[in-house]
Amino acid sequence: MAKLQPLETFSLQETEDGYRLLVSAVGGEALYVSITSEQMDEIIDSLDTALTGDDETAGEEDFDDAD
């Protein structure tokens, strides 16, 4: 199993057919990855779930907190 290294660089750029993601670890080489729009949606849903801990609201947009 690969050694877990701290994140140094994270960059996301939109391309004609999706996105280009740049990730590098401290002291490591940069890794460029192409991502489709569908994959980006899955990443966003995963991040939302990880941050909120709520699988049921993953991907939902709820900005009305004034109630």
Protein backbone atom coordinates (compact mmCIF):
# COMPACT_ATOMS: atom_id res chain seq x y z
CA MET A 1 0.00 0.00 0.00
CA ALA A 2 1.29 3.47 -0.88
CA LYS A 3 2.40 5.80 1.90
CA LEU A 4 -0.10 8.57 2.67
CA GLN A 5 1.48 11.99 2.06
CA PRO A 6 0.20 15.48 2.91
CA LEU A 7 -1.42 17.46 0.10
CA GLU A 8 0.70 20.28 -1.32
CA THR A 9 -1.14 21.35 -4.48
CA PHE A 10 -4.73 21.02 -5.68
CA SER A 11 -5.90 22.73 -8.85
CA LEU A 12 -8.95 22.28 -11.06
CA GLN A 13 -9.39 23.65 -14.57
CA GLU A 14 -12.35 23.31 -16.90
CA THR A 15 -11.58 21.82 -20.34
CA GLU A 16 -13.63 21.26 -23.50
CA ASP A 17 -14.58 17.74 -22.45
CA GLY A 18 -14.65 18.03 -18.65
CA TYR A 19 -11.98 19.03 -16.16
CA ARG A 20 -8.26 18.71 -15.51
CA LEU A 21 -7.23 18.05 -11.93
CA LEU A 22 -3.71 18.64 -10.62
CA VAL A 23 -2.75 17.05 -7.32
CA SER A 24 0.67 16.82 -5.71
CA ALA A 25 1.95 15.74 -2.33
CA VAL A 26 4.68 17.42 -0.30
CA GLY A 27 7.95 16.27 -1.84
CA GLY A 28 6.17 14.34 -4.60
CA GLU A 29 5.55 14.71 -8.30
CA ALA A 30 2.45 16.39 -9.72
CA LEU A 31 -0.32 14.15 -11.03
CA TYR A 32 -2.63 15.44 -13.75
CA VAL A 33 -5.96 13.64 -14.21
CA SER A 34 -8.75 14.24 -16.73
CA ILE A 35 -12.25 14.09 -15.26
CA THR A 36 -15.60 13.92 -17.06
CA SER A 37 -18.55 16.04 -15.95
CA GLU A 38 -20.22 12.90 -14.58
CA GLN A 39 -17.14 12.04 -12.53
CA MET A 40 -17.03 15.61 -11.21
CA ASP A 41 -20.64 15.26 -10.06
CA GLU A 42 -19.69 12.07 -8.20
CA ILE A 43 -16.72 13.81 -6.58
CA ILE A 44 -18.92 16.70 -5.46
CA ASP A 45 -21.49 14.27 -4.02
CA SER A 46 -18.74 12.39 -2.17
CA LEU A 47 -17.31 15.60 -0.73
CA ASP A 48 -20.77 16.75 0.32
CA THR A 49 -21.40 13.45 2.08
CA ALA A 50 -18.01 13.56 3.80
CA LEU A 51 -18.51 17.13 5.00
CA THR A 52 -22.13 16.85 6.10
CA GLY A 53 -22.22 13.18 7.08
CA ASP A 54 -25.66 12.99 5.51
CA ASP A 55 -26.08 10.58 2.57
CA GLU A 56 -29.66 11.71 1.95
CA THR A 57 -28.74 15.33 1.10
CA ALA A 58 -25.73 14.55 -1.11
CA GLY A 59 -26.09 16.52 -4.33
CA GLU A 60 -29.07 18.56 -3.15
CA GLU A 61 -28.85 22.33 -3.15
CA ASP A 62 -30.52 23.96 -0.17
CA PHE A 63 -29.56 27.58 0.32
CA ASP A 64 -32.72 28.74 2.12
CA ASP A 65 -31.65 28.91 5.76
CA ALA A 66 -33.88 31.90 6.58
CA ASP A 67 -36.87 29.75 7.69
